[in-house]
Protein backbone atom coordinates (compact mmCIF):
# COMPACT_ATOMS: atom_id res chain seq x y z
CA MET A 1 34.41 -16.64 36.86
CA ASN A 2 32.18 -15.45 39.71
CA ILE A 3 28.76 -14.01 38.94
CA LEU A 4 26.49 -12.26 41.43
CA VAL A 5 22.77 -12.67 40.74
CA ILE A 6 20.47 -9.94 42.06
CA ASN A 7 16.67 -9.91 42.36
CA ALA A 8 15.73 -6.45 43.61
CA GLY A 9 12.26 -5.70 44.96
CA SER A 10 10.85 -2.42 46.20
CA SER A 11 12.01 -3.10 49.77
CA SER A 12 14.25 -6.14 49.38
CA VAL A 13 17.26 -7.55 47.60
CA LYS A 14 17.84 -11.28 47.11
CA TYR A 15 21.24 -12.48 45.93
CA GLN A 16 23.28 -15.54 45.01
CA LEU A 17 26.97 -15.69 44.18
CA TYR A 18 28.03 -18.39 41.71
CA ASP A 19 31.39 -19.92 40.90
CA MET A 20 30.63 -20.67 37.25
CA GLU A 21 33.61 -22.91 36.55
CA ASN A 22 32.54 -25.31 39.29
CA ALA A 23 28.79 -24.61 39.00
CA ILE A 24 28.41 -24.03 42.74
CA VAL A 25 26.75 -21.42 44.94
CA LEU A 26 29.37 -19.66 47.06
CA ALA A 27 26.82 -17.68 49.07
CA LYS A 28 23.22 -16.55 49.02
CA GLY A 29 20.99 -14.34 51.10
CA ARG A 30 18.68 -11.37 51.17
CA VAL A 31 18.18 -7.91 52.59
CA GLU A 32 14.66 -7.16 53.78
CA ARG A 33 12.83 -4.06 55.03
CA ILE A 34 14.93 -1.63 52.98
CA GLY A 35 13.91 1.90 53.91
CA MET A 36 13.75 1.17 57.64
CA ASP A 37 16.18 1.37 60.53
CA THR A 38 15.34 -2.28 61.31
CA ALA A 39 16.39 -3.69 57.93
CA ILE A 40 17.86 -7.17 58.17
CA LEU A 41 20.64 -8.86 56.21
CA MET A 42 20.46 -12.67 56.11
CA HIS A 43 23.61 -14.19 54.65
CA GLU A 44 24.26 -17.90 53.98
CA PRO A 45 27.86 -18.59 52.95
CA ALA A 46 28.75 -22.08 51.74
CA ASN A 47 30.33 -24.24 54.43
CA LYS A 48 30.03 -21.48 57.06
CA PRO A 49 27.39 -20.57 59.65
CA GLU A 50 24.56 -18.26 58.62
CA PHE A 51 24.97 -14.59 59.52
CA HIS A 52 22.12 -12.19 60.35
CA LYS A 53 22.42 -8.48 61.06
CA VAL A 54 19.81 -5.79 61.77
CA ASP A 55 20.86 -2.35 60.57
CA GLU A 56 19.59 0.93 59.16
CA ILE A 57 19.38 0.53 55.38
CA LEU A 58 17.38 3.32 53.80
CA GLU A 59 17.89 2.66 50.09
CA HIS A 60 19.15 0.08 47.61
CA THR A 61 22.67 1.47 47.14
CA THR A 62 23.35 0.90 50.82
CA ALA A 63 21.73 -2.53 50.65
CA ILE A 64 24.04 -3.62 47.83
CA ARG A 65 27.01 -2.19 49.74
CA ARG A 66 26.06 -4.31 52.77
CA VAL A 67 25.86 -7.40 50.54
CA LEU A 68 29.29 -6.72 49.04
CA ASP A 69 30.76 -6.06 52.47
CA VAL A 70 29.57 -9.39 53.85
CA LEU A 71 30.78 -11.27 50.76
CA VAL A 72 34.36 -10.16 51.54
CA HIS A 73 34.05 -10.21 55.33
CA PRO A 74 37.03 -12.00 56.95
CA GLU A 75 34.74 -14.25 59.00
CA HIS A 76 31.50 -14.51 57.02
CA GLY A 77 32.69 -13.85 53.48
CA VAL A 78 33.59 -16.11 50.58
CA LEU A 79 35.80 -13.75 48.55
CA SER A 80 38.97 -11.87 49.36
CA ALA A 81 38.06 -8.83 47.24
CA ILE A 82 35.07 -7.37 45.40
CA SER A 83 37.17 -7.43 42.22
CA GLN A 84 36.65 -11.20 42.19
CA ILE A 85 33.05 -10.62 41.08
CA ASP A 86 33.26 -10.62 37.29
CA ALA A 87 29.69 -9.68 36.46
CA VAL A 88 26.22 -9.13 37.91
CA GLY A 89 23.01 -10.63 36.51
CA HIS A 90 19.60 -9.14 37.31
CA ARG A 91 16.09 -10.51 37.13
CA VAL A 92 13.74 -8.07 35.37
CA VAL A 93 10.06 -8.96 35.26
CA HIS A 94 8.90 -7.16 32.11
CA GLY A 95 10.75 -6.88 28.83
CA GLY A 96 7.69 -6.11 26.72
CA GLU A 97 8.20 -6.81 23.01
CA SER A 98 11.60 -5.14 23.11
CA PHE A 99 13.58 -8.02 24.60
CA LYS A 100 13.35 -11.55 23.27
CA SER A 101 16.47 -12.69 25.11
CA SER A 102 18.85 -11.64 27.88
CA VAL A 103 21.10 -8.63 27.20
CA LEU A 104 24.01 -6.76 28.72
CA VAL A 105 23.07 -3.48 30.39
CA THR A 106 23.64 -0.36 28.31
CA ASP A 107 22.20 3.13 28.46
CA GLU A 108 19.69 2.14 25.76
CA VAL A 109 18.65 -0.98 27.67
CA LYS A 110 18.09 1.05 30.85
CA LYS A 111 16.07 3.59 28.90
CA GLU A 112 13.83 0.84 27.52
CA ILE A 113 13.32 -0.79 30.92
CA ARG A 114 12.21 2.60 32.26
CA ARG A 115 9.81 2.98 29.32
CA LEU A 116 8.22 -0.31 30.37
CA PHE A 117 7.52 0.88 33.93
CA ASP A 118 3.82 1.28 33.07
CA LEU A 119 3.56 -2.42 32.22
CA ALA A 120 5.13 -3.55 35.50
CA PRO A 121 4.87 -0.66 37.98
CA LEU A 122 5.49 -2.86 41.03
CA HIS A 123 8.55 -4.63 39.61
CA ASN A 124 10.56 -2.86 36.89
CA PRO A 125 11.24 0.31 38.94
CA ALA A 126 12.64 -1.85 41.75
CA HIS A 127 14.83 -3.77 39.30
CA MET A 128 16.22 -0.47 38.02
CA LEU A 129 17.06 0.50 41.58
CA GLY A 130 19.10 -2.70 41.79
CA ILE A 131 20.93 -1.97 38.54
CA SER A 132 21.71 1.60 39.63
CA ALA A 133 22.87 0.42 43.06
CA VAL A 134 25.33 -2.00 41.48
CA GLU A 135 26.62 0.76 39.19
CA ALA A 136 27.20 2.98 42.21
CA ASN A 137 29.05 0.29 44.16
CA MET A 138 30.85 -1.53 41.34
CA PRO A 139 31.49 0.97 38.53
CA GLY A 140 32.62 -0.68 35.32
CA VAL A 141 31.54 -4.21 36.24
CA PRO A 142 29.42 -5.75 33.44
CA GLN A 143 25.74 -6.24 34.20
CA ALA A 144 23.14 -8.35 32.41
CA VAL A 145 19.36 -8.41 32.59
CA VAL A 146 17.26 -11.56 32.21
CA PHE A 147 13.57 -11.00 31.53
CA ASP A 148 10.66 -13.08 32.87
CA THR A 149 8.77 -12.34 29.64
CA ALA A 150 11.51 -13.26 27.14
CA PHE A 151 10.83 -17.01 27.01
CA HIS A 152 7.22 -16.38 26.01
CA GLN A 153 8.12 -14.18 23.02
CA THR A 154 7.82 -17.29 20.83
CA MET A 155 4.02 -17.34 21.30
CA PRO A 156 2.11 -16.95 18.03
CA ALA A 157 -0.22 -13.99 17.53
CA LYS A 158 -3.28 -16.22 17.95
CA ALA A 159 -2.12 -16.89 21.52
CA TYR A 160 -0.82 -13.49 22.59
CA LEU A 161 -3.41 -11.13 21.11
CA TYR A 162 -6.64 -10.28 22.92
CA PRO A 163 -9.94 -9.99 20.99
CA VAL A 164 -10.17 -6.23 21.54
CA PRO A 165 -9.68 -3.38 19.02
CA MET A 166 -6.28 -3.77 17.33
CA ALA A 167 -5.61 -0.08 17.98
CA LEU A 168 -5.03 -0.99 21.64
CA TYR A 169 -2.24 -3.30 20.60
CA ARG A 170 -0.73 -0.96 18.06
CA LYS A 171 -0.84 2.11 20.32
CA HIS A 172 -0.42 0.66 23.82
CA LYS A 173 0.94 -2.87 23.29
CA VAL A 174 -2.06 -4.47 24.98
CA ARG A 175 -1.31 -8.20 24.60
CA ARG A 176 -0.37 -11.31 26.52
CA TYR A 177 3.26 -11.30 27.66
CA GLY A 178 3.43 -14.07 30.26
CA PHE A 179 5.77 -14.31 33.22
CA HIS A 180 7.90 -16.84 35.14
CA GLY A 181 9.59 -17.47 31.79
CA THR A 182 12.98 -18.18 33.33
CA SER A 183 11.43 -20.92 35.46
CA HIS A 184 9.38 -22.42 32.63
CA LYS A 185 12.51 -22.51 30.45
CA TYR A 186 14.64 -24.15 33.13
CA VAL A 187 12.19 -26.87 34.15
CA SER A 188 11.29 -27.76 30.57
CA GLU A 189 14.97 -28.35 29.81
CA ARG A 190 15.43 -30.34 33.02
CA ALA A 191 12.30 -32.39 32.27
CA ALA A 192 13.70 -33.39 28.89
CA ALA A 193 16.98 -34.41 30.53
CA PHE A 194 15.12 -36.38 33.22
CA LEU A 195 13.08 -38.23 30.62
CA GLY A 196 16.11 -38.80 28.41
CA ARG A 197 14.28 -37.40 25.39
CA PRO A 198 15.10 -34.51 23.01
CA LEU A 199 13.39 -31.31 24.12
CA GLU A 200 12.64 -30.54 20.47
CA ARG A 201 10.29 -33.54 20.32
CA LEU A 202 8.40 -32.98 23.56
CA LYS A 203 5.05 -31.39 24.35
CA LEU A 204 5.22 -30.20 27.96
CA ILE A 205 2.87 -28.37 30.30
CA THR A 206 4.94 -26.63 32.97
CA CYS A 207 3.17 -25.49 36.14
CA HIS A 208 5.01 -22.86 38.18
CA ILE A 209 2.89 -22.91 41.33
CA GLY A 210 3.93 -20.53 44.08
CA ASN A 211 2.20 -17.56 45.69
CA GLY A 212 2.05 -16.37 42.10
CA ALA A 213 1.25 -19.15 39.65
CA SER A 214 1.29 -19.77 35.92
CA CYS A 215 1.15 -22.59 33.40
CA ALA A 216 2.92 -22.73 30.05
CA ALA A 217 2.45 -24.90 26.99
CA VAL A 218 5.99 -25.69 25.84
CA TRP A 219 6.20 -27.38 22.44
CA GLY A 220 9.64 -28.31 21.15
CA GLY A 221 11.31 -26.16 23.78
CA GLN A 222 9.33 -23.04 22.87
CA SER A 223 6.49 -21.38 24.75
CA VAL A 224 3.34 -21.44 22.60
CA ASP A 225 0.92 -20.24 25.29
CA THR A 226 0.94 -19.22 28.94
CA SER A 227 -1.68 -18.36 31.53
CA MET A 228 -0.47 -14.98 32.81
CA GLY A 229 -1.31 -12.14 30.47
CA MET A 230 -0.42 -8.50 30.04
CA THR A 231 0.10 -8.52 33.80
CA PRO A 232 0.65 -11.34 36.33
CA LEU A 233 -3.01 -11.06 37.42
CA GLU A 234 -4.52 -13.18 34.64
CA GLY A 235 -4.74 -16.96 34.64
CA LEU A 236 -4.70 -19.31 37.59
CA MET A 237 -6.18 -18.61 41.00
CA MET A 238 -3.22 -17.62 43.20
CA GLY A 239 -2.35 -16.83 46.80
CA THR A 240 -3.83 -13.32 46.79
CA ARG A 241 -4.60 -12.79 43.07
CA SER A 242 -7.95 -13.61 41.51
CA GLY A 243 -6.74 -14.98 38.20
CA ASP A 244 -9.34 -15.19 35.42
CA LEU A 245 -12.69 -13.50 35.95
CA ASP A 246 -15.42 -11.80 33.94
CA PRO A 247 -14.00 -8.33 33.10
CA ALA A 248 -17.46 -6.83 33.58
CA ILE A 249 -17.06 -7.55 37.30
CA VAL A 250 -14.60 -4.65 37.57
CA PRO A 251 -16.92 -1.75 36.60
CA TYR A 252 -19.85 -3.46 38.32
CA VAL A 253 -18.05 -3.73 41.68
CA MET A 254 -16.58 -0.24 41.30
CA GLY A 255 -20.07 1.15 40.96
CA LYS A 256 -21.65 -0.90 43.74
CA GLU A 257 -18.83 -0.36 46.26
CA ASP A 258 -17.73 3.12 45.10
CA LEU A 259 -14.16 1.91 44.52
CA THR A 260 -11.41 3.71 42.67
CA ILE A 261 -9.29 2.02 39.99
CA GLY A 262 -6.48 1.69 42.52
CA GLU A 263 -8.75 0.14 45.12
CA VAL A 264 -10.20 -2.47 42.77
CA SER A 265 -6.70 -3.28 41.49
CA SER A 266 -5.57 -3.80 45.07
CA MET A 267 -8.58 -6.04 45.72
CA LEU A 268 -7.82 -8.28 42.74
CA ASN A 269 -4.05 -8.43 43.31
CA LYS A 270 -3.74 -8.45 47.10
CA HIS A 271 -7.07 -9.48 48.62
CA SER A 272 -8.37 -12.26 46.39
CA GLY A 273 -7.37 -15.84 45.57
CA LEU A 274 -6.81 -18.38 48.33
CA GLN A 275 -6.80 -15.62 50.94
CA ALA A 276 -10.24 -14.37 49.98
CA ILE A 277 -12.01 -17.70 49.64
CA SER A 278 -10.49 -19.44 52.66
CA GLY A 279 -10.54 -16.42 54.96
CA ILE A 280 -7.48 -18.00 56.56
CA SER A 281 -4.32 -17.55 54.54
CA SER A 282 -2.69 -17.25 51.12
CA ASP A 283 -0.22 -19.97 52.13
CA MET A 284 -1.08 -23.39 50.68
CA ARG A 285 0.47 -25.14 53.69
CA GLU A 286 -2.00 -23.46 56.03
CA ILE A 287 -4.86 -24.14 53.62
CA VAL A 288 -4.03 -27.87 53.55
CA GLU A 289 -3.86 -27.99 57.34
CA ALA A 290 -7.30 -26.37 57.51
CA VAL A 291 -8.64 -28.78 54.88
CA GLU A 292 -7.45 -31.72 56.98
CA ALA A 293 -9.20 -30.16 59.99
CA GLY A 294 -12.45 -30.00 58.01
CA ASP A 295 -12.71 -26.24 57.49
CA LYS A 296 -15.39 -25.75 54.80
CA ASN A 297 -14.00 -22.49 53.42
CA ALA A 298 -10.51 -23.96 53.15
CA ILE A 299 -11.92 -27.02 51.37
CA LEU A 300 -13.72 -24.75 48.89
CA ALA A 301 -10.57 -22.67 48.31
CA PHE A 302 -8.47 -25.80 47.71
CA GLU A 303 -11.05 -27.27 45.33
CA MET A 304 -11.34 -24.03 43.35
CA TYR A 305 -7.55 -23.74 43.13
CA THR A 306 -6.95 -27.30 41.89
CA TYR A 307 -10.01 -27.26 39.60
CA ARG A 308 -8.78 -24.18 37.77
CA LEU A 309 -5.29 -25.65 37.45
CA ARG A 310 -6.70 -28.86 35.93
CA LYS A 311 -8.73 -26.78 33.46
CA TYR A 312 -5.62 -25.00 32.21
CA ILE A 313 -3.73 -28.25 31.85
CA GLY A 314 -6.60 -29.67 29.82
CA ALA A 315 -6.72 -26.55 27.66
CA TYR A 316 -3.01 -26.67 26.91
CA ALA A 317 -3.16 -30.36 26.06
CA ALA A 318 -5.82 -29.38 23.50
CA ALA A 319 -3.75 -26.43 22.26
CA MET A 320 -0.81 -28.74 21.48
CA ASN A 321 -2.97 -31.69 20.36
CA GLY A 322 -1.44 -33.81 23.10
CA VAL A 323 1.07 -33.71 25.92
CA ASP A 324 4.02 -35.89 26.88
CA ALA A 325 4.62 -34.66 30.42
CA ILE A 326 3.22 -32.30 33.05
CA VAL A 327 5.79 -30.61 35.27
CA PHE A 328 5.19 -29.18 38.76
CA THR A 329 7.62 -26.61 40.11
CA ALA A 330 8.06 -23.63 42.50
CA GLY A 331 7.19 -23.51 46.21
CA VAL A 332 3.74 -25.09 46.10
CA GLY A 333 4.28 -27.27 43.04
CA GLU A 334 7.46 -28.76 44.47
CA ASN A 335 6.31 -29.21 48.07
CA SER A 336 2.55 -29.77 48.20
CA ALA A 337 1.86 -33.47 47.68
CA PRO A 338 -1.91 -32.95 48.33
CA LEU A 339 -2.11 -30.37 45.54
CA ARG A 340 -0.30 -32.61 43.05
CA LYS A 341 -2.56 -35.53 44.00
CA ALA A 342 -5.75 -33.50 43.57
CA VAL A 343 -4.62 -32.28 40.16
CA CYS A 344 -3.21 -35.54 38.77
CA GLU A 345 -6.08 -37.75 39.90
CA GLY A 346 -8.36 -35.58 37.78
CA LEU A 347 -6.25 -36.07 34.66
CA SER A 348 -6.66 -39.80 34.11
CA PHE A 349 -8.54 -39.03 30.87
CA LEU A 350 -5.25 -37.69 29.47
CA GLY A 351 -3.44 -40.88 30.38
CA VAL A 352 -1.92 -39.71 33.67
CA ASP A 353 -1.49 -42.86 35.81
CA PHE A 354 -0.76 -41.23 39.17
CA ASP A 355 1.61 -42.90 41.66
CA GLU A 356 0.62 -41.77 45.15
CA GLY A 357 3.60 -43.49 46.77
CA ALA A 358 6.12 -41.67 44.59
CA ASN A 359 4.25 -38.40 45.09
CA GLY A 360 4.84 -38.53 48.84
CA LEU A 361 8.54 -39.40 48.69
CA GLY A 362 11.35 -36.86 49.04
CA ARG A 363 11.38 -33.08 48.75
CA GLY A 364 13.59 -30.80 46.72
CA ILE A 365 14.46 -33.53 44.22
CA GLU A 366 13.56 -34.30 40.62
CA LYS A 367 11.13 -37.19 40.53
CA ARG A 368 8.42 -38.95 38.55
CA ILE A 369 4.99 -39.13 40.23
CA THR A 370 3.34 -41.36 37.66
CA LYS A 371 3.62 -45.12 37.32
CA LEU A 372 5.99 -46.69 34.81
CA GLY A 373 4.20 -46.99 31.52
CA SER A 374 1.95 -43.98 32.14
CA LYS A 375 0.92 -42.52 28.79
CA VAL A 376 1.51 -39.00 30.11
CA GLU A 377 4.25 -38.45 32.67
CA ALA A 378 3.92 -36.16 35.70
CA LEU A 379 7.17 -34.84 37.12
CA VAL A 380 8.36 -32.66 39.98
CA ILE A 381 11.33 -30.50 38.93
CA PRO A 382 12.69 -27.96 41.45
CA THR A 383 13.18 -24.65 39.68
CA ASN A 384 16.41 -22.67 39.70
CA GLU A 385 15.83 -19.28 38.11
CA GLU A 386 19.00 -17.83 39.64
CA TRP A 387 21.14 -20.41 37.87
CA VAL A 388 19.54 -19.51 34.53
CA ILE A 389 20.31 -15.84 35.17
CA ALA A 390 23.92 -16.71 36.03
CA GLN A 391 24.27 -18.88 32.92
CA ASP A 392 22.81 -16.22 30.62
CA THR A 393 25.11 -13.58 32.13
CA TYR A 394 28.10 -15.87 31.65
CA SER A 395 27.16 -16.61 28.04
CA LEU A 396 26.74 -12.92 27.21
CA LEU A 397 30.22 -12.19 28.59
CA GLN A 398 31.72 -15.05 26.56
CA GLU A 399 30.24 -13.55 23.40
CA GLN A 400 32.00 -10.22 23.96
CA PRO A 401 35.19 -9.54 21.95
CA ASP A 402 38.42 -9.53 23.95
């Protein structure tokens, strides 16, 4: 069975095609700058040269058509016919309280995703464009949706509710939802396998550290708390997002700077975080280079970033009354040895016996970065959200009656 995984953004489409029987990626790629006459398709077929093409792609239906065309291209493709794609799985950021697990796409599911647009205005509408584009190009092919929020639906009320009037929850569903759930789920399962211990007996703190970043407290394989909230703005300091701050800052700054709600939202989401403090970049690689060159603002940004991450790890160890392992994943977590060092060296009180030599070895591999015998393990586990989406889609199809 071949499953196509789609992650549709407002002006992009990322894809991976899986052969499920052999658990291999047949091809992957992305379409960027949708809506422009200089859109670009970047296609990476297995065991073949990469293929890039600049073309006019004005909307998502055409983008998906270009992806399907290249997948069956005589020279660059990996399939002989589109009919060899058995199903399509989609990433959807927000499932609200409606979806506690992945589901096959139906009219009711699409209606509910649209209803949740207000909770994820930058993401869910784009995901719906992807679903509709697949329907237009591949009518009748089963589609599944896998929600970033679903894994965190196991959080207890004491963790997901905010201390504001309950009417806001009852009427508007104001609560913590959490994100990156697919990644937190995957790396917690892989961590248990790496350690050779039952997931049901482990207390894990998983740190998905990319341009967006979140931590999760995973106890017995279930999320019991997570740092992102009703939106992906809460929690850790990120590339361009502020993370936690005094909520009174918002009306104060609006009044002092005469900002609209949209302008202050843009400031907190797109012009804060590492970018704002360093004045250089939102990219951790560039921050580290500037730190090594002695740039004071970069040093401050790096220290703030790692300090806040250590605080969350400490908080989640307290929330679970202990921790067995801390897991680093995603672009920064997997690749930034300086970040992992700065965080782990400040966690010796928990029993983290950091191994600097192991921390600097290898990239893109599962590894332990604590010394043998460390009371609390620290691991690097590369995430693979696309594989989780493919697996969930496959499982949903297997559950369907013949």
